[in-house]
C-alpha atoms as a PDB file:
ATOM      1  CA  MET A   1      60.897 135.454 109.964  1.00  0.00           C
ATOM      2  CA  ASN A   2      58.199 133.931 112.009  1.00  0.00           C
ATOM      3  CA  ASN A   3      54.701 133.268 112.259  1.00  0.00           C
ATOM      4  CA  GLU A   4      54.663 135.066 116.153  1.00  0.00           C
ATOM      5  CA  THR A   5      55.610 138.021 113.427  1.00  0.00           C
ATOM      6  CA  ILE A   6      53.632 137.467 111.152  1.00  0.00           C
ATOM      7  CA  ASP A   7      50.280 137.372 113.509  1.00  0.00           C
ATOM      8  CA  PHE A   8      51.311 140.728 115.482  1.00  0.00           C
ATOM      9  CA  ILE A   9      52.062 142.644 111.866  1.00  0.00           C
ATOM     10  CA  ILE A  10      48.888 141.413 110.386  1.00  0.00           C
ATOM     11  CA  GLU A  11      46.791 142.152 113.548  1.00  0.00           C
ATOM     12  CA  CYS A  12      48.106 145.855 113.183  1.00  0.00           C
ATOM     13  CA  MET A  13      45.782 146.098 109.351  1.00  0.00           C
ATOM     14  CA  ALA A  14      42.576 146.205 108.368  1.00  0.00           C
ATOM     15  CA  SER A  15      42.024 143.814 106.576  1.00  0.00           C
ATOM     16  CA  ASN A  16      42.943 141.104 109.513  1.00  0.00           C
ATOM     17  CA  ILE A  17      39.557 140.348 109.868  1.00  0.00           C
ATOM     18  CA  GLU A  18      37.832 139.298 106.636  1.00  0.00           C
ATOM     19  CA  MET A  19      40.895 138.668 104.830  1.00  0.00           C
ATOM     20  CA  SER A  20      43.196 137.139 106.901  1.00  0.00           C
ATOM     21  CA  ASP A  21      44.575 134.518 104.695  1.00  0.00           C
ATOM     22  CA  ILE A  22      45.198 136.763 101.912  1.00  0.00           C
ATOM     23  CA  GLN A  23      47.049 139.312 104.406  1.00  0.00           C
ATOM     24  CA  ARG A  24      49.123 136.681 105.451  1.00  0.00           C
ATOM     25  CA  VAL A  25      50.877 136.120 101.936  1.00  0.00           C
ATOM     26  CA  GLN A  26      51.368 139.775 101.124  1.00  0.00           C
ATOM     27  CA  THR A  27      52.800 140.109 104.625  1.00  0.00           C
ATOM     28  CA  GLU A  28      55.023 137.485 104.472  1.00  0.00           C
ATOM     29  CA  HIS A  29      56.049 138.566 100.803  1.00  0.00           C
ATOM     30  CA  ARG A  30      57.055 142.105 102.603  1.00  0.00           C
ATOM     31  CA  PHE A  31      58.920 141.111 105.104  1.00  0.00           C
ATOM     32  CA  LYS A  32      61.098 139.443 102.778  1.00  0.00           C
ATOM     33  CA  LEU A  33      61.541 142.566 101.164  1.00  0.00           C
ATOM     34  CA  ALA A  34      62.314 144.667 104.345  1.00  0.00           C
ATOM     35  CA  GLU A  35      64.690 141.471 105.383  1.00  0.00           C
ATOM     36  CA  PHE A  36      66.821 142.277 102.037  1.00  0.00           C
ATOM     37  CA  TRP A  37      66.303 146.232 102.248  1.00  0.00           C
ATOM     38  CA  ASN A  38      68.249 145.669 105.243  1.00  0.00           C
ATOM     39  CA  ILE A  39      66.013 147.831 107.022  1.00  0.00           C
ATOM     40  CA  LYS A  40      67.276 148.843 110.762  1.00  0.00           C
ATOM     41  CA  GLU A  41      65.474 149.669 114.033  1.00  0.00           C
ATOM     42  CA  GLY A  42      65.524 153.265 115.094  1.00  0.00           C
ATOM     43  CA  LYS A  43      65.708 154.445 111.313  1.00  0.00           C
ATOM     44  CA  ARG A  44      63.611 156.964 109.233  1.00  0.00           C
ATOM     45  CA  VAL A  45      61.693 155.763 106.056  1.00  0.00           C
ATOM     46  CA  LEU A  46      59.967 157.851 103.345  1.00  0.00           C
ATOM     47  CA  GLU A  47      57.484 154.798 101.551  1.00  0.00           C
ATOM     48  CA  ILE A  48      56.824 156.497  98.467  1.00  0.00           C
ATOM     49  CA  GLY A  49      52.932 155.276  96.804  1.00  0.00           C
ATOM     50  CA  CYS A  50      52.068 153.522 100.631  1.00  0.00           C
ATOM     51  CA  GLY A  51      48.476 152.716  99.130  1.00  0.00           C
ATOM     52  CA  GLN A  52      46.426 150.553 102.217  1.00  0.00           C
ATOM     53  CA  GLY A  53      49.715 150.415 104.212  1.00  0.00           C
ATOM     54  CA  ASP A  54      50.946 146.568 103.331  1.00  0.00           C
ATOM     55  CA  THR A  55      54.179 147.445 103.155  1.00  0.00           C
ATOM     56  CA  THR A  56      54.128 150.222 105.836  1.00  0.00           C
ATOM     57  CA  ALA A  57      53.148 148.138 108.330  1.00  0.00           C
ATOM     58  CA  VAL A  58      55.702 145.520 108.106  1.00  0.00           C
ATOM     59  CA  LEU A  59      58.345 148.485 107.908  1.00  0.00           C
ATOM     60  CA  ALA A  60      57.275 149.791 110.972  1.00  0.00           C
ATOM     61  CA  TYR A  61      57.834 146.848 112.210  1.00  0.00           C
ATOM     62  CA  PHE A  62      61.368 146.862 111.946  1.00  0.00           C
ATOM     63  CA  VAL A  63      62.168 150.538 112.453  1.00  0.00           C
ATOM     64  CA  GLY A  64      60.129 150.135 116.479  1.00  0.00           C
ATOM     65  CA  GLU A  65      58.968 152.850 118.337  1.00  0.00           C
ATOM     66  CA  LYS A  66      62.350 154.406 117.973  1.00  0.00           C
ATOM     67  CA  GLY A  67      62.064 155.238 114.154  1.00  0.00           C
ATOM     68  CA  LEU A  68      59.557 156.832 111.739  1.00  0.00           C
ATOM     69  CA  VAL A  69      57.719 155.176 108.695  1.00  0.00           C
ATOM     70  CA  HIS A  70      56.408 158.336 106.719  1.00  0.00           C
ATOM     71  CA  GLY A  71      53.949 156.947 103.926  1.00  0.00           C
ATOM     72  CA  ILE A  72      52.429 159.128 101.177  1.00  0.00           C
ATOM     73  CA  ASP A  73      50.287 158.341  98.352  1.00  0.00           C
ATOM     74  CA  ILE A  74      48.518 160.698  95.181  1.00  0.00           C
ATOM     75  CA  GLY A  75      45.501 158.688  96.237  1.00  0.00           C
ATOM     76  CA  SER A  76      42.319 159.670  97.656  1.00  0.00           C
ATOM     77  CA  PRO A  77      41.326 158.446 101.282  1.00  0.00           C
ATOM     78  CA  ASP A  78      38.165 157.696  99.859  1.00  0.00           C
ATOM     79  CA  TYR A  79      39.857 155.595  97.371  1.00  0.00           C
ATOM     80  CA  GLY A  80      39.852 151.636  97.908  1.00  0.00           C
ATOM     81  CA  SER A  81      37.653 148.851  98.337  1.00  0.00           C
ATOM     82  CA  PRO A  82      36.327 146.849 100.330  1.00  0.00           C
ATOM     83  CA  ILE A  83      38.270 149.174 102.518  1.00  0.00           C
ATOM     84  CA  SER A  84      39.245 152.612 101.702  1.00  0.00           C
ATOM     85  CA  LEU A  85      43.041 153.734 101.876  1.00  0.00           C
ATOM     86  CA  GLY A  86      41.610 156.274 104.360  1.00  0.00           C
ATOM     87  CA  ASP A  87      40.534 153.039 106.994  1.00  0.00           C
ATOM     88  CA  SER A  88      43.111 151.459 106.693  1.00  0.00           C
ATOM     89  CA  ALA A  89      45.541 154.116 107.511  1.00  0.00           C
ATOM     90  CA  LYS A  90      43.432 154.847 110.497  1.00  0.00           C
ATOM     91  CA  PHE A  91      43.529 151.369 111.863  1.00  0.00           C
ATOM     92  CA  LEU A  92      47.078 151.164 111.315  1.00  0.00           C
ATOM     93  CA  LYS A  93      47.472 153.905 113.537  1.00  0.00           C
ATOM     94  CA  LYS A  94      45.716 152.969 116.057  1.00  0.00           C
ATOM     95  CA  SER A  95      47.604 149.448 115.971  1.00  0.00           C
ATOM     96  CA  LYS A  96      50.281 148.847 117.875  1.00  0.00           C
ATOM     97  CA  VAL A  97      52.671 150.048 115.136  1.00  0.00           C
ATOM     98  CA  GLY A  98      50.758 153.200 114.698  1.00  0.00           C
ATOM     99  CA  LYS A  99      53.490 155.378 117.162  1.00  0.00           C
ATOM    100  CA  GLN A 100      55.953 155.291 114.675  1.00  0.00           C
ATOM    101  CA  ILE A 101      53.699 155.885 111.494  1.00  0.00           C
ATOM    102  CA  LYS A 102      53.064 159.338 109.497  1.00  0.00           C
ATOM    103  CA  ILE A 103      50.654 158.904 106.194  1.00  0.00           C
ATOM    104  CA  GLU A 104      49.272 161.394 103.979  1.00  0.00           C
ATOM    105  CA  PHE A 105      46.991 161.151 101.053  1.00  0.00           C
ATOM    106  CA  GLU A 106      47.138 162.981  97.865  1.00  0.00           C
ATOM    107  CA  MET A 107      50.571 164.159  98.039  1.00  0.00           C
ATOM    108  CA  ASN A 108      51.587 164.571  94.502  1.00  0.00           C
ATOM    109  CA  LEU A 109      55.603 164.087  94.934  1.00  0.00           C
ATOM    110  CA  LEU A 110      56.216 165.927  92.017  1.00  0.00           C
ATOM    111  CA  SER A 111      54.429 169.108  93.183  1.00  0.00           C
ATOM    112  CA  PRO A 112      56.768 171.935  94.205  1.00  0.00           C
ATOM    113  CA  ASN A 113      55.071 172.257  97.486  1.00  0.00           C
ATOM    114  CA  VAL A 114      56.148 168.652  98.767  1.00  0.00           C
ATOM    115  CA  GLU A 115      59.704 168.911 100.200  1.00  0.00           C
ATOM    116  CA  PHE A 116      61.743 167.151 102.818  1.00  0.00           C
ATOM    117  CA  PRO A 117      65.269 168.466 104.205  1.00  0.00           C
ATOM    118  CA  GLU A 118      67.993 166.923 102.581  1.00  0.00           C
ATOM    119  CA  ASN A 119      69.390 163.361 103.676  1.00  0.00           C
ATOM    120  CA  PHE A 120      65.978 162.853 106.252  1.00  0.00           C
ATOM    121  CA  PHE A 121      65.477 159.747 105.917  1.00  0.00           C
ATOM    122  CA  ASP A 122      68.141 156.930 106.130  1.00  0.00           C
ATOM    123  CA  TYR A 123      65.518 154.915 103.510  1.00  0.00           C
ATOM    124  CA  ILE A 124      63.700 155.664 100.380  1.00  0.00           C
ATOM    125  CA  ILE A 125      60.959 153.297 100.030  1.00  0.00           C
ATOM    126  CA  LEU A 126      59.286 152.397  96.370  1.00  0.00           C
ATOM    127  CA  SER A 127      57.593 148.797  96.703  1.00  0.00           C
ATOM    128  CA  HIS A 128      55.216 147.867  94.075  1.00  0.00           C
ATOM    129  CA  CYS A 129      53.886 151.130  93.000  1.00  0.00           C
ATOM    130  CA  SER A 130      56.578 151.922  89.724  1.00  0.00           C
ATOM    131  CA  TRP A 131      53.876 150.587  87.250  1.00  0.00           C
ATOM    132  CA  TYR A 132      51.803 153.330  88.409  1.00  0.00           C
ATOM    133  CA  LEU A 133      53.444 155.788  86.658  1.00  0.00           C
ATOM    134  CA  LYS A 134      52.502 157.859  83.987  1.00  0.00           C
ATOM    135  CA  SER A 135      56.020 157.472  82.017  1.00  0.00           C
ATOM    136  CA  ILE A 136      59.627 156.704  81.956  1.00  0.00           C
ATOM    137  CA  GLU A 137      60.069 160.367  82.119  1.00  0.00           C
ATOM    138  CA  GLU A 138      57.755 160.992  85.207  1.00  0.00           C
ATOM    139  CA  PHE A 139      59.496 157.972  86.965  1.00  0.00           C
ATOM    140  CA  ASN A 140      63.338 159.549  86.554  1.00  0.00           C
ATOM    141  CA  GLU A 141      61.493 162.703  87.789  1.00  0.00           C
ATOM    142  CA  VAL A 142      60.458 160.862  91.105  1.00  0.00           C
ATOM    143  CA  LEU A 143      63.762 159.089  91.184  1.00  0.00           C
ATOM    144  CA  LYS A 144      65.560 162.418  90.938  1.00  0.00           C
ATOM    145  CA  LYS A 145      64.153 164.857  93.165  1.00  0.00           C
ATOM    146  CA  VAL A 146      63.871 161.944  96.188  1.00  0.00           C
ATOM    147  CA  ARG A 147      67.496 161.334  95.657  1.00  0.00           C
ATOM    148  CA  LYS A 148      68.537 164.474  97.801  1.00  0.00           C
ATOM    149  CA  TRP A 149      66.135 163.358 100.821  1.00  0.00           C
ATOM    150  CA  GLY A 150      67.557 159.972 101.602  1.00  0.00           C
ATOM    151  CA  LYS A 151      70.750 157.850 101.612  1.00  0.00           C
ATOM    152  CA  LYS A 152      69.024 154.394 100.143  1.00  0.00           C
ATOM    153  CA  LEU A 153      66.948 153.787  97.894  1.00  0.00           C
ATOM    154  CA  CYS A 154      64.813 150.567  97.843  1.00  0.00           C
ATOM    155  CA  PHE A 155      63.071 149.333  95.420  1.00  0.00           C
ATOM    156  CA  ALA A 156      60.702 146.095  94.551  1.00  0.00           C
ATOM    157  CA  GLU A 157      58.356 146.094  91.641  1.00  0.00           C
ATOM    158  CA  TRP A 158      57.498 142.899  89.504  1.00  0.00           C
ATOM    159  CA  ASP A 159      59.941 140.944  87.084  1.00  0.00           C
ATOM    160  CA  THR A 160      58.891 140.655  83.730  1.00  0.00           C
ATOM    161  CA  ARG A 161      61.662 137.402  83.343  1.00  0.00           C
ATOM    162  CA  LEU A 162      59.989 134.360  83.248  1.00  0.00           C
ATOM    163  CA  ASN A 163      61.168 131.398  85.557  1.00  0.00           C
ATOM    164  CA  SER A 164      58.031 129.386  84.900  1.00  0.00           C
ATOM    165  CA  ILE A 165      55.617 128.610  82.368  1.00  0.00           C
ATOM    166  CA  GLU A 166      53.323 129.389  84.902  1.00  0.00           C
ATOM    167  CA  GLN A 167      53.945 132.784  85.030  1.00  0.00           C
ATOM    168  CA  TYR A 168      52.843 133.516  81.419  1.00  0.00           C
ATOM    169  CA  PRO A 169      49.675 134.533  82.135  1.00  0.00           C
ATOM    170  CA  HIS A 170      50.378 137.046  84.645  1.00  0.00           C
ATOM    171  CA  LEU A 171      52.449 138.602  82.461  1.00  0.00           C
ATOM    172  CA  LEU A 172      50.471 138.334  79.751  1.00  0.00           C
ATOM    173  CA  SER A 173      47.816 140.281  81.368  1.00  0.00           C
ATOM    174  CA  ILE A 174      49.938 142.801  82.445  1.00  0.00           C
ATOM    175  CA  LEU A 175      50.848 143.127  78.989  1.00  0.00           C
ATOM    176  CA  ILE A 176      47.294 143.580  77.511  1.00  0.00           C
ATOM    177  CA  GLN A 177      46.630 146.246  80.309  1.00  0.00           C
ATOM    178  CA  ALA A 178      50.242 147.870  78.763  1.00  0.00           C
ATOM    179  CA  GLN A 179      48.995 148.124  75.631  1.00  0.00           C
ATOM    180  CA  TYR A 180      45.531 149.575  76.347  1.00  0.00           C
ATOM    181  CA  GLU A 181      46.947 152.206  79.200  1.00  0.00           C
ATOM    182  CA  SER A 182      49.273 153.664  76.444  1.00  0.00           C
ATOM    183  CA  PHE A 183      46.350 155.140  75.488  1.00  0.00           C
ATOM    184  CA  LYS A 184      44.639 156.991  78.392  1.00  0.00           C
ATOM    185  CA  GLN A 185      45.569 160.180  79.769  1.00  0.00           C
ATOM    186  CA  LYS A 186      43.951 159.298  83.284  1.00  0.00           C
ATOM    187  CA  SER A 187      43.847 156.282  84.607  1.00  0.00           C
ATOM    188  CA  ASP A 188      43.662 154.222  88.382  1.00  0.00           C
ATOM    189  CA  SER A 189      45.141 150.838  86.817  1.00  0.00           C
ATOM    190  CA  ASN A 190      47.263 148.705  88.561  1.00  0.00           C
ATOM    191  CA  VAL A 191      49.090 148.693  85.318  1.00  0.00           C
ATOM    192  CA  ARG A 192      50.071 151.959  83.688  1.00  0.00           C
ATOM    193  CA  THR A 193      53.935 151.704  82.441  1.00  0.00           C
ATOM    194  CA  LEU A 194      55.178 148.814  81.896  1.00  0.00           C
ATOM    195  CA  PHE A 195      58.934 148.642  83.533  1.00  0.00           C
ATOM    196  CA  THR A 196      61.371 146.199  83.314  1.00  0.00           C
ATOM    197  CA  PRO A 197      64.427 145.181  85.444  1.00  0.00           C
ATOM    198  CA  SER A 198      66.929 146.108  82.481  1.00  0.00           C
ATOM    199  CA  ASP A 199      64.455 149.904  82.003  1.00  0.00           C
ATOM    200  CA  ILE A 200      64.404 150.472  86.337  1.00  0.00           C
ATOM    201  CA  LYS A 201      68.046 149.542  86.261  1.00  0.00           C
ATOM    202  CA  LEU A 202      69.106 152.809  83.667  1.00  0.00           C
ATOM    203  CA  ILE A 203      66.249 154.964  85.008  1.00  0.00           C
ATOM    204  CA  ALA A 204      67.816 154.702  88.573  1.00  0.00           C
ATOM    205  CA  GLU A 205      70.763 155.150  87.463  1.00  0.00           C
ATOM    206  CA  SER A 206      70.470 158.372  85.164  1.00  0.00           C
ATOM    207  CA  ALA A 207      68.494 159.321  88.255  1.00  0.00           C
ATOM    208  CA  GLY A 208      71.845 159.502  89.879  1.00  0.00           C
ATOM    209  CA  TRP A 209      71.724 156.697  92.143  1.00  0.00           C
ATOM    210  CA  ASN A 210      74.207 153.778  92.084  1.00  0.00           C
ATOM    211  CA  ILE A 211      72.769 150.372  92.381  1.00  0.00           C
ATOM    212  CA  MET A 212      74.671 148.299  95.591  1.00  0.00           C
ATOM    213  CA  SER A 213      73.216 144.975  95.432  1.00  0.00           C
ATOM    214  CA  GLU A 214      70.030 143.047  93.689  1.00  0.00           C
ATOM    215  CA  LYS A 215      67.736 140.393  94.103  1.00  0.00           C
ATOM    216  CA  THR A 216      64.823 138.389  92.347  1.00  0.00           C
ATOM    217  CA  ILE A 217      62.642 137.063  95.407  1.00  0.00           C
ATOM    218  CA  PHE A 218      59.822 134.638  94.368  1.00  0.00           C
ATOM    219  CA  SER A 219      56.697 134.562  96.464  1.00  0.00           C
ATOM    220  CA  PRO A 220      54.302 131.534  95.007  1.00  0.00           C
ATOM    221  CA  ASP A 221      51.567 131.861  96.785  1.00  0.00           C
ATOM    222  CA  LEU A 222      51.243 135.890  96.365  1.00  0.00           C
ATOM    223  CA  GLN A 223      47.619 136.178  94.822  1.00  0.00           C
ATOM    224  CA  ASP A 224      48.322 139.440  92.477  1.00  0.00           C
ATOM    225  CA  GLY A 225      48.517 137.215  89.075  1.00  0.00           C
ATOM    226  CA  LYS A 226      45.167 135.722  89.600  1.00  0.00           C
ATOM    227  CA  TRP A 227      44.065 139.068  90.613  1.00  0.00           C
ATOM    228  CA  GLU A 228      45.755 141.077  87.067  1.00  0.00           C
ATOM    229  CA  VAL A 229      44.565 137.715  84.827  1.00  0.00           C
ATOM    230  CA  ASN A 230      40.681 138.616  86.595  1.00  0.00           C
ATOM    231  CA  LYS A 231      40.902 141.611  86.027  1.00  0.00           C
ATOM    232  CA  VAL A 232      41.856 141.571  82.099  1.00  0.00           C
ATOM    233  CA  LEU A 233      39.179 139.316  81.399  1.00  0.00           C
ATOM    234  CA  THR A 234      36.189 141.037  83.068  1.00  0.00           C
ATOM    235  CA  ASP A 235      37.026 144.921  82.186  1.00  0.00           C
ATOM    236  CA  LEU A 236      38.592 144.510  78.811  1.00  0.00           C
ATOM    237  CA  ASP A 237      35.177 144.968  76.855  1.00  0.00           C
ATOM    238  CA  VAL A 238      34.713 148.190  78.328  1.00  0.00           C
ATOM    239  CA  GLU A 239      38.213 149.135  78.465  1.00  0.00           C
ATOM    240  CA  LEU A 240      38.175 148.719  74.944  1.00  0.00           C
ATOM    241  CA  SER A 241      34.958 150.101  74.102  1.00  0.00           C
ATOM    242  CA  GLU A 242      36.063 153.589  76.059  1.00  0.00           C
ATOM    243  CA  ILE A 243      39.405 154.068  73.999  1.00  0.00           C
ATOM    244  CA  SER A 244      37.978 155.959  70.337  1.00  0.00           C
ATOM    245  CA  ASN A 245      41.805 156.791  69.251  1.00  0.00           C
ATOM    246  CA  MET A 246      42.801 153.014  69.127  1.00  0.00           C
ATOM    247  CA  PRO A 247      43.462 150.996  65.838  1.00  0.00           C
ATOM    248  CA  GLN A 248      41.172 148.316  64.947  1.00  0.00           C
ATOM    249  CA  LYS A 249      44.187 146.259  64.053  1.00  0.00           C
ATOM    250  CA  LEU A 250      45.485 146.534  67.916  1.00  0.00           C
ATOM    251  CA  LYS A 251      41.904 145.929  69.142  1.00  0.00           C
ATOM    252  CA  ARG A 252      41.911 142.352  67.445  1.00  0.00           C
ATOM    253  CA  LEU A 253      45.702 141.720  68.636  1.00  0.00           C
ATOM    254  CA  ILE A 254      44.920 142.516  72.214  1.00  0.00           C
ATOM    255  CA  GLN A 255      41.617 140.284  71.858  1.00  0.00           C
ATOM    256  CA  SER A 256      44.218 137.572  70.147  1.00  0.00           C
ATOM    257  CA  GLU A 257      45.870 137.977  73.638  1.00  0.00           C
ATOM    258  CA  VAL A 258      43.308 137.591  75.297  1.00  0.00           C
ATOM    259  CA  THR A 259      41.742 134.764  73.528  1.00  0.00           C
ATOM    260  CA  MET A 260      45.885 132.781  73.646  1.00  0.00           C
ATOM    261  CA  LEU A 261      45.257 134.079  78.362  1.00  0.00           C
ATOM    262  CA  GLU A 262      41.867 132.227  78.247  1.00  0.00           C
ATOM    263  CA  ASP A 263      43.541 129.061  76.387  1.00  0.00           C
ATOM    264  CA  PHE A 264      46.083 128.598  78.727  1.00  0.00           C
ATOM    265  CA  ILE A 265      44.598 129.382  82.258  1.00  0.00           C
ATOM    266  CA  ASN A 266      42.187 126.616  81.084  1.00  0.00           C
ATOM    267  CA  ASN A 267      45.206 123.977  81.074  1.00  0.00           C
ATOM    268  CA  SER A 268      47.687 125.910  83.491  1.00  0.00           C
ATOM    269  CA  GLU A 269      47.782 127.006  87.258  1.00  0.00           C
ATOM    270  CA  ILE A 270      48.247 130.443  87.639  1.00  0.00           C
ATOM    271  CA  LYS A 271      51.815 131.410  89.326  1.00  0.00           C
ATOM    272  CA  PRO A 272      52.886 135.080  90.226  1.00  0.00           C
ATOM    273  CA  LEU A 273      55.937 136.831  88.692  1.00  0.00           C
ATOM    274  CA  SER A 274      59.059 136.863  90.397  1.00  0.00           C
ATOM    275  CA  VAL A 275      59.763 140.312  92.288  1.00  0.00           C
ATOM    276  CA  PHE A 276      62.852 142.782  91.305  1.00  0.00           C
ATOM    277  CA  ALA A 277      64.247 144.201  94.077  1.00  0.00           C
ATOM    278  CA  PHE A 278      67.888 146.364  95.203  1.00  0.00           C
ATOM    279  CA  VAL A 279      69.238 148.082  96.941  1.00  0.00           C
ATOM    280  CA  ALA A 280      71.072 151.880  95.883  1.00  0.00           C
ATOM    281  CA  GLU A 281      72.780 154.496  97.134  1.00  0.00           C
END
């Protein structure tokens, strides 16, 4: 990974103009993931939960013009701010890596209408999207269904195992969200179900995947920890007021946890959690 390569990928993304510093950090992290997954030139990739295309652009660089990155996402192309998913995809498609990219939105992977040929893809990618799923059961169904479409499963998600005390605010903000999210039927939150690395490995294995290698990747400059803390502190009152069936005792517990979060960040910096990644067959 060198600056010239990262600059090339960043220029392919819609966020490069106003958020180039943020995008650089995000792109460098995803480059680490693609290197660990050993994504090869000329291969075909199915990326589940492609979102704004942060990982899509990096994967497209790795597979090159003779490869394919097919991104799918359940979200609407109108979703997202300040740049929508649809606008991000259009920009990416017109970029220097656009030739090898296909993106489809409003795709419910578990719909019987969504199918791909057996072993059509060399890699199935789930990168930082498993916590968007609504339950362990849904996660298991996803991993079972994609099993027949690809040869390798390449996975990444935040690692709940702390390596330093500075990661504590990121973890605590996630735990707080996971508690109130468990009362919702519908959500657009980043954290809908919390899975630990042990949970993830058990789910993957029960879905028929055999984990071949795993790694903990730390990208200390990622902004996500600060974003999640800010989301909790900004949204908490509205979130709790909109959940009518939450026990009062749990609401008080969450409010105490928020006080703990506020006390901590007043005296310490925030570092992102590490990332748990694996390759399975």
